[in-house]
C-alpha atoms as a PDB file:
ATOM      1  CA  UNK A   1      36.301  20.143  42.170  1.00  0.00           C
ATOM      2  CA  UNK A   2      36.743  20.337  37.844  1.00  0.00           C
ATOM      3  CA  UNK A   3      40.399  22.414  36.828  1.00  0.00           C
ATOM      4  CA  UNK A   4      39.212  23.390  33.647  1.00  0.00           C
ATOM      5  CA  UNK A   5      43.131  24.618  32.737  1.00  0.00           C
ATOM      6  CA  UNK A   6      45.464  23.614  29.970  1.00  0.00           C
ATOM      7  CA  UNK A   7      44.064  20.077  29.699  1.00  0.00           C
ATOM      8  CA  UNK A   8      47.011  19.138  27.481  1.00  0.00           C
ATOM      9  CA  UNK A   9      49.743  17.325  29.453  1.00  0.00           C
ATOM     10  CA  UNK A  10      52.511  19.692  27.194  1.00  0.00           C
ATOM     11  CA  UNK A  11      50.679  22.927  27.925  1.00  0.00           C
ATOM     12  CA  UNK A  12      50.204  21.713  31.680  1.00  0.00           C
ATOM     13  CA  UNK A  13      54.014  21.156  31.660  1.00  0.00           C
ATOM     14  CA  UNK A  14      54.730  23.789  30.375  1.00  0.00           C
ATOM     15  CA  UNK A  15      52.562  25.902  32.380  1.00  0.00           C
ATOM     16  CA  UNK A  16      54.043  24.222  34.867  1.00  0.00           C
ATOM     17  CA  UNK A  17      57.645  25.567  34.302  1.00  0.00           C
ATOM     18  CA  UNK A  18      56.586  28.990  33.852  1.00  0.00           C
ATOM     19  CA  UNK A  19      54.679  29.244  37.072  1.00  0.00           C
ATOM     20  CA  UNK A  20      57.859  27.982  39.611  1.00  0.00           C
ATOM     21  CA  UNK A  21      60.285  30.956  39.073  1.00  0.00           C
ATOM     22  CA  UNK A  22      62.745  32.335  41.343  1.00  0.00           C
ATOM     23  CA  UNK A  23      64.470  35.370  41.000  1.00  0.00           C
ATOM     24  CA  UNK A  24      68.249  36.701  40.618  1.00  0.00           C
ATOM     25  CA  UNK A  25      69.027  40.218  40.883  1.00  0.00           C
ATOM     26  CA  UNK A  26      69.461  41.726  37.169  1.00  0.00           C
ATOM     27  CA  UNK A  27      72.493  41.034  34.634  1.00  0.00           C
ATOM     28  CA  UNK A  28      74.607  42.975  32.888  1.00  0.00           C
ATOM     29  CA  UNK A  29      73.609  41.566  29.591  1.00  0.00           C
ATOM     30  CA  UNK A  30      69.844  42.102  30.464  1.00  0.00           C
ATOM     31  CA  UNK A  31      70.259  46.463  31.383  1.00  0.00           C
ATOM     32  CA  UNK A  32      69.464  46.801  28.022  1.00  0.00           C
ATOM     33  CA  UNK A  33      65.938  45.647  28.272  1.00  0.00           C
ATOM     34  CA  UNK A  34      63.120  47.248  30.016  1.00  0.00           C
ATOM     35  CA  UNK A  35      62.755  46.601  33.284  1.00  0.00           C
ATOM     36  CA  UNK A  36      59.496  44.299  32.688  1.00  0.00           C
ATOM     37  CA  UNK A  37      61.547  42.301  29.819  1.00  0.00           C
ATOM     38  CA  UNK A  38      65.092  42.019  31.846  1.00  0.00           C
ATOM     39  CA  UNK A  39      62.579  41.144  35.041  1.00  0.00           C
ATOM     40  CA  UNK A  40      60.621  37.878  32.994  1.00  0.00           C
ATOM     41  CA  UNK A  41      64.086  37.080  30.950  1.00  0.00           C
ATOM     42  CA  UNK A  42      65.822  37.216  34.408  1.00  0.00           C
ATOM     43  CA  UNK A  43      62.849  34.630  36.144  1.00  0.00           C
ATOM     44  CA  UNK A  44      63.259  32.019  33.575  1.00  0.00           C
ATOM     45  CA  UNK A  45      66.523  31.979  33.611  1.00  0.00           C
ATOM     46  CA  UNK A  46      66.985  31.644  36.913  1.00  0.00           C
ATOM     47  CA  UNK A  47      64.296  28.829  37.354  1.00  0.00           C
ATOM     48  CA  UNK A  48      65.390  26.590  34.599  1.00  0.00           C
ATOM     49  CA  UNK A  49      69.282  27.084  36.399  1.00  0.00           C
ATOM     50  CA  UNK A  50      68.275  26.032  39.742  1.00  0.00           C
ATOM     51  CA  UNK A  51      66.392  23.296  38.655  1.00  0.00           C
ATOM     52  CA  UNK A  52      69.190  22.171  37.272  1.00  0.00           C
ATOM     53  CA  UNK A  53      71.175  22.228  40.534  1.00  0.00           C
ATOM     54  CA  UNK A  54      68.747  20.863  42.684  1.00  0.00           C
ATOM     55  CA  UNK A  55      67.217  18.380  40.601  1.00  0.00           C
ATOM     56  CA  UNK A  56      68.030  15.324  42.849  1.00  0.00           C
ATOM     57  CA  UNK A  57      67.084  16.652  45.631  1.00  0.00           C
ATOM     58  CA  UNK A  58      63.731  17.788  43.814  1.00  0.00           C
ATOM     59  CA  UNK A  59      63.256  14.086  42.766  1.00  0.00           C
ATOM     60  CA  UNK A  60      63.913  12.703  46.523  1.00  0.00           C
ATOM     61  CA  UNK A  61      61.831  15.125  48.073  1.00  0.00           C
ATOM     62  CA  UNK A  62      58.887  17.551  45.795  1.00  0.00           C
ATOM     63  CA  UNK A  63      58.311  20.188  48.687  1.00  0.00           C
ATOM     64  CA  UNK A  64      61.608  21.903  47.688  1.00  0.00           C
ATOM     65  CA  UNK A  65      60.083  23.155  44.777  1.00  0.00           C
ATOM     66  CA  UNK A  66      57.338  24.668  46.827  1.00  0.00           C
ATOM     67  CA  UNK A  67      60.448  26.320  49.205  1.00  0.00           C
ATOM     68  CA  UNK A  68      61.849  27.520  45.901  1.00  0.00           C
ATOM     69  CA  UNK A  69      57.843  29.748  45.167  1.00  0.00           C
ATOM     70  CA  UNK A  70      57.753  30.282  48.463  1.00  0.00           C
ATOM     71  CA  UNK A  71      61.247  31.990  48.800  1.00  0.00           C
ATOM     72  CA  UNK A  72      61.381  33.402  45.284  1.00  0.00           C
ATOM     73  CA  UNK A  73      58.091  33.499  42.959  1.00  0.00           C
ATOM     74  CA  UNK A  74      55.840  33.917  45.198  1.00  0.00           C
ATOM     75  CA  UNK A  75      56.908  37.675  46.157  1.00  0.00           C
ATOM     76  CA  UNK A  76      56.763  38.436  42.461  1.00  0.00           C
ATOM     77  CA  UNK A  77      53.366  37.401  41.740  1.00  0.00           C
ATOM     78  CA  UNK A  78      49.741  40.084  42.421  1.00  0.00           C
ATOM     79  CA  UNK A  79      47.809  37.420  44.325  1.00  0.00           C
ATOM     80  CA  UNK A  80      45.307  39.494  45.245  1.00  0.00           C
ATOM     81  CA  UNK A  81      45.170  40.923  41.091  1.00  0.00           C
ATOM     82  CA  UNK A  82      45.117  36.960  40.633  1.00  0.00           C
ATOM     83  CA  UNK A  83      42.830  36.427  42.806  1.00  0.00           C
ATOM     84  CA  UNK A  84      40.283  39.495  42.115  1.00  0.00           C
ATOM     85  CA  UNK A  85      40.292  38.687  38.350  1.00  0.00           C
ATOM     86  CA  UNK A  86      39.204  35.080  38.660  1.00  0.00           C
ATOM     87  CA  UNK A  87      36.192  35.783  40.997  1.00  0.00           C
ATOM     88  CA  UNK A  88      35.218  39.231  39.072  1.00  0.00           C
ATOM     89  CA  UNK A  89      31.892  39.974  40.081  1.00  0.00           C
ATOM     90  CA  UNK A  90      32.417  37.166  43.275  1.00  0.00           C
ATOM     91  CA  UNK A  91      35.550  38.929  44.752  1.00  0.00           C
ATOM     92  CA  UNK A  92      33.066  42.521  45.207  1.00  0.00           C
ATOM     93  CA  UNK A  93      30.712  40.482  47.071  1.00  0.00           C
ATOM     94  CA  UNK A  94      32.494  38.581  49.106  1.00  0.00           C
ATOM     95  CA  UNK A  95      33.964  40.162  52.539  1.00  0.00           C
ATOM     96  CA  UNK A  96      37.838  40.982  53.615  1.00  0.00           C
ATOM     97  CA  UNK A  97      37.792  37.194  55.323  1.00  0.00           C
ATOM     98  CA  UNK A  98      36.575  35.186  52.232  1.00  0.00           C
ATOM     99  CA  UNK A  99      39.047  37.558  50.075  1.00  0.00           C
ATOM    100  CA  UNK A 100      42.091  35.995  52.403  1.00  0.00           C
ATOM    101  CA  UNK A 101      40.836  32.623  52.452  1.00  0.00           C
ATOM    102  CA  UNK A 102      40.490  32.491  48.492  1.00  0.00           C
ATOM    103  CA  UNK A 103      43.505  34.157  47.501  1.00  0.00           C
ATOM    104  CA  UNK A 104      45.035  31.619  50.714  1.00  0.00           C
ATOM    105  CA  UNK A 105      43.526  28.344  48.756  1.00  0.00           C
ATOM    106  CA  UNK A 106      43.791  30.051  45.348  1.00  0.00           C
ATOM    107  CA  UNK A 107      47.982  30.235  45.215  1.00  0.00           C
ATOM    108  CA  UNK A 108      48.145  26.617  47.073  1.00  0.00           C
ATOM    109  CA  UNK A 109      46.225  25.160  44.338  1.00  0.00           C
ATOM    110  CA  UNK A 110      48.673  26.651  41.786  1.00  0.00           C
ATOM    111  CA  UNK A 111      51.421  25.379  43.254  1.00  0.00           C
ATOM    112  CA  UNK A 112      50.268  21.622  44.402  1.00  0.00           C
ATOM    113  CA  UNK A 113      48.189  21.296  40.487  1.00  0.00           C
ATOM    114  CA  UNK A 114      51.697  22.181  39.047  1.00  0.00           C
ATOM    115  CA  UNK A 115      54.204  20.510  41.311  1.00  0.00           C
ATOM    116  CA  UNK A 116      52.184  17.600  41.205  1.00  0.00           C
ATOM    117  CA  UNK A 117      52.259  18.074  36.709  1.00  0.00           C
ATOM    118  CA  UNK A 118      56.050  18.424  37.411  1.00  0.00           C
ATOM    119  CA  UNK A 119      57.330  15.212  39.064  1.00  0.00           C
ATOM    120  CA  UNK A 120      54.555  12.771  36.903  1.00  0.00           C
ATOM    121  CA  UNK A 121      57.067  11.912  34.425  1.00  0.00           C
ATOM    122  CA  UNK A 122      60.741  13.028  35.602  1.00  0.00           C
ATOM    123  CA  UNK A 123      61.294  12.131  31.906  1.00  0.00           C
ATOM    124  CA  UNK A 124      59.759  15.745  30.393  1.00  0.00           C
ATOM    125  CA  UNK A 125      61.498  17.853  33.176  1.00  0.00           C
ATOM    126  CA  UNK A 126      64.965  16.069  32.385  1.00  0.00           C
ATOM    127  CA  UNK A 127      64.194  17.011  28.304  1.00  0.00           C
ATOM    128  CA  UNK A 128      62.781  20.486  29.172  1.00  0.00           C
ATOM    129  CA  UNK A 129      65.901  20.893  30.468  1.00  0.00           C
ATOM    130  CA  UNK A 130      68.102  19.609  28.860  1.00  0.00           C
ATOM    131  CA  UNK A 131      66.760  22.899  26.057  1.00  0.00           C
ATOM    132  CA  UNK A 132      66.923  25.042  28.329  1.00  0.00           C
ATOM    133  CA  UNK A 133      69.889  27.143  26.473  1.00  0.00           C
ATOM    134  CA  UNK A 134      67.320  27.294  23.308  1.00  0.00           C
ATOM    135  CA  UNK A 135      63.594  26.513  25.023  1.00  0.00           C
ATOM    136  CA  UNK A 136      62.245  30.197  25.021  1.00  0.00           C
ATOM    137  CA  UNK A 137      62.802  33.005  22.859  1.00  0.00           C
ATOM    138  CA  UNK A 138      61.045  36.353  23.357  1.00  0.00           C
ATOM    139  CA  UNK A 139      59.474  39.398  21.891  1.00  0.00           C
ATOM    140  CA  UNK A 140      60.706  43.321  21.710  1.00  0.00           C
ATOM    141  CA  UNK A 141      59.402  45.230  23.830  1.00  0.00           C
ATOM    142  CA  UNK A 142      58.546  48.856  23.708  1.00  0.00           C
ATOM    143  CA  UNK A 143      56.860  50.735  27.844  1.00  0.00           C
ATOM    144  CA  UNK A 144      55.770  53.986  27.880  1.00  0.00           C
ATOM    145  CA  UNK A 145      57.121  55.939  30.943  1.00  0.00           C
ATOM    146  CA  UNK A 146      53.778  55.651  32.042  1.00  0.00           C
ATOM    147  CA  UNK A 147      52.648  52.144  31.656  1.00  0.00           C
ATOM    148  CA  UNK A 148      51.331  50.174  34.330  1.00  0.00           C
ATOM    149  CA  UNK A 149      49.916  47.026  32.733  1.00  0.00           C
ATOM    150  CA  UNK A 150      51.836  44.837  29.867  1.00  0.00           C
ATOM    151  CA  UNK A 151      52.439  41.423  29.045  1.00  0.00           C
ATOM    152  CA  UNK A 152      55.875  40.485  27.636  1.00  0.00           C
ATOM    153  CA  UNK A 153      55.930  37.840  25.303  1.00  0.00           C
ATOM    154  CA  UNK A 154      58.063  34.824  24.261  1.00  0.00           C
ATOM    155  CA  UNK A 155      58.112  31.342  22.205  1.00  0.00           C
ATOM    156  CA  UNK A 156      58.219  28.120  23.847  1.00  0.00           C
ATOM    157  CA  UNK A 157      59.972  25.707  21.620  1.00  0.00           C
ATOM    158  CA  UNK A 158      59.655  22.145  23.380  1.00  0.00           C
ATOM    159  CA  UNK A 159      61.828  19.337  22.895  1.00  0.00           C
ATOM    160  CA  UNK A 160      59.301  17.427  21.055  1.00  0.00           C
ATOM    161  CA  UNK A 161      59.749  20.551  18.211  1.00  0.00           C
ATOM    162  CA  UNK A 162      56.527  22.399  19.094  1.00  0.00           C
ATOM    163  CA  UNK A 163      56.374  26.218  19.443  1.00  0.00           C
ATOM    164  CA  UNK A 164      53.995  27.671  22.247  1.00  0.00           C
ATOM    165  CA  UNK A 165      53.420  30.730  22.376  1.00  0.00           C
ATOM    166  CA  UNK A 166      53.254  32.440  25.920  1.00  0.00           C
ATOM    167  CA  UNK A 167      52.566  35.759  27.647  1.00  0.00           C
ATOM    168  CA  UNK A 168      53.314  37.493  31.172  1.00  0.00           C
ATOM    169  CA  UNK A 169      50.705  39.422  31.750  1.00  0.00           C
ATOM    170  CA  UNK A 170      52.403  42.410  34.971  1.00  0.00           C
ATOM    171  CA  UNK A 171      50.836  45.090  36.803  1.00  0.00           C
ATOM    172  CA  UNK A 172      53.100  48.192  38.153  1.00  0.00           C
ATOM    173  CA  UNK A 173      52.183  48.627  41.608  1.00  0.00           C
ATOM    174  CA  UNK A 174      52.043  51.905  43.893  1.00  0.00           C
ATOM    175  CA  UNK A 175      55.104  51.697  44.720  1.00  0.00           C
ATOM    176  CA  UNK A 176      57.224  51.220  41.156  1.00  0.00           C
ATOM    177  CA  UNK A 177      57.226  47.291  41.306  1.00  0.00           C
ATOM    178  CA  UNK A 178      55.894  44.783  38.107  1.00  0.00           C
ATOM    179  CA  UNK A 179      54.559  42.217  39.571  1.00  0.00           C
ATOM    180  CA  UNK A 180      53.136  38.787  37.366  1.00  0.00           C
ATOM    181  CA  UNK A 181      49.741  38.274  37.446  1.00  0.00           C
ATOM    182  CA  UNK A 182      48.508  35.837  34.872  1.00  0.00           C
ATOM    183  CA  UNK A 183      50.281  33.228  32.498  1.00  0.00           C
ATOM    184  CA  UNK A 184      49.081  32.904  29.015  1.00  0.00           C
ATOM    185  CA  UNK A 185      49.765  30.330  26.712  1.00  0.00           C
ATOM    186  CA  UNK A 186      48.394  29.321  23.360  1.00  0.00           C
ATOM    187  CA  UNK A 187      46.006  31.996  23.501  1.00  0.00           C
ATOM    188  CA  UNK A 188      44.486  30.957  26.936  1.00  0.00           C
ATOM    189  CA  UNK A 189      44.641  32.857  30.254  1.00  0.00           C
ATOM    190  CA  UNK A 190      44.873  31.694  33.968  1.00  0.00           C
ATOM    191  CA  UNK A 191      42.995  33.925  35.200  1.00  0.00           C
ATOM    192  CA  UNK A 192      40.177  33.480  32.614  1.00  0.00           C
ATOM    193  CA  UNK A 193      39.953  29.493  32.249  1.00  0.00           C
ATOM    194  CA  UNK A 194      39.698  29.593  36.068  1.00  0.00           C
ATOM    195  CA  UNK A 195      37.056  31.913  36.668  1.00  0.00           C
ATOM    196  CA  UNK A 196      34.845  29.850  34.226  1.00  0.00           C
ATOM    197  CA  UNK A 197      34.840  26.830  37.194  1.00  0.00           C
ATOM    198  CA  UNK A 198      35.110  28.895  40.519  1.00  0.00           C
ATOM    199  CA  UNK A 199      32.496  31.068  38.715  1.00  0.00           C
ATOM    200  CA  UNK A 200      29.955  28.494  37.570  1.00  0.00           C
ATOM    201  CA  UNK A 201      30.955  26.327  41.392  1.00  0.00           C
ATOM    202  CA  UNK A 202      30.666  29.724  43.489  1.00  0.00           C
ATOM    203  CA  UNK A 203      27.028  30.481  41.494  1.00  0.00           C
ATOM    204  CA  UNK A 204      25.590  26.568  41.893  1.00  0.00           C
ATOM    205  CA  UNK A 205      27.487  26.564  45.690  1.00  0.00           C
ATOM    206  CA  UNK A 206      27.973  29.843  46.834  1.00  0.00           C
ATOM    207  CA  UNK A 207      31.338  30.900  48.028  1.00  0.00           C
ATOM    208  CA  UNK A 208      31.984  29.335  51.423  1.00  0.00           C
ATOM    209  CA  UNK A 209      31.188  25.843  49.925  1.00  0.00           C
ATOM    210  CA  UNK A 210      33.498  26.459  47.309  1.00  0.00           C
ATOM    211  CA  UNK A 211      36.618  27.808  49.522  1.00  0.00           C
ATOM    212  CA  UNK A 212      35.873  24.102  51.198  1.00  0.00           C
ATOM    213  CA  UNK A 213      36.455  22.200  48.564  1.00  0.00           C
ATOM    214  CA  UNK A 214      39.479  23.872  47.270  1.00  0.00           C
ATOM    215  CA  UNK A 215      41.026  22.956  50.701  1.00  0.00           C
ATOM    216  CA  UNK A 216      39.811  19.991  49.884  1.00  0.00           C
ATOM    217  CA  UNK A 217      41.269  19.863  46.662  1.00  0.00           C
ATOM    218  CA  UNK A 218      44.182  21.147  47.790  1.00  0.00           C
ATOM    219  CA  UNK A 219      44.561  18.620  50.647  1.00  0.00           C
ATOM    220  CA  UNK A 220      44.037  15.525  48.103  1.00  0.00           C
ATOM    221  CA  UNK A 221      47.076  16.914  45.467  1.00  0.00           C
ATOM    222  CA  UNK A 222      49.205  17.221  48.700  1.00  0.00           C
ATOM    223  CA  UNK A 223      48.772  13.276  49.144  1.00  0.00           C
ATOM    224  CA  UNK A 224      48.963  12.555  44.936  1.00  0.00           C
ATOM    225  CA  UNK A 225      51.963  14.936  45.750  1.00  0.00           C
ATOM    226  CA  UNK A 226      53.517  12.489  48.698  1.00  0.00           C
ATOM    227  CA  UNK A 227      52.651   8.935  46.441  1.00  0.00           C
ATOM    228  CA  UNK A 228      55.202  10.428  43.609  1.00  0.00           C
ATOM    229  CA  UNK A 229      58.078  10.540  45.852  1.00  0.00           C
END
């Protein structure tokens, strides 16, 4: 399976950092921000602090990152919406079992691919964590009371000095809860790029064959991650 998104190692590392986040209650300083912006600010600052505190554990056992995402990130990501948008017309043609399998394997793919990206060069992790206090600056957000879909925009300053614009697309569900459904790095959407990759495979080989390849890729990524320890 080809993974088209983010060939640049710097961008891959950046997206890895943005994806592996954890959530904690809003602070007083964030209370003045619109709710979606406050959530994203807290998510990013929390993951950076958590990675600082648990760096030794992460380096000894990269699966610590899986535990962080399973506990703190996954509940705040709308994986069903992500999967539906990635599959596009193929989602409508799929049955419920195929939809569930795709969502499960897609989430694993995101976790395992970007964990491996983070772990390939620990020095990059240290450089980013050392610059955590000045890593990201957020754009002001204006939100209407009835808004359901919006993008939090920010600039990320990498240790190299490169400024990379990022965006967190969020959707408010029927219960009024804001969740992330896309990450955009320098204009490149995770959803759009994976849609192109999966779309061509499904068109050529069918959804069932694509799902089997996703499962095989996830096994390979887990094996590769074990070799990094």
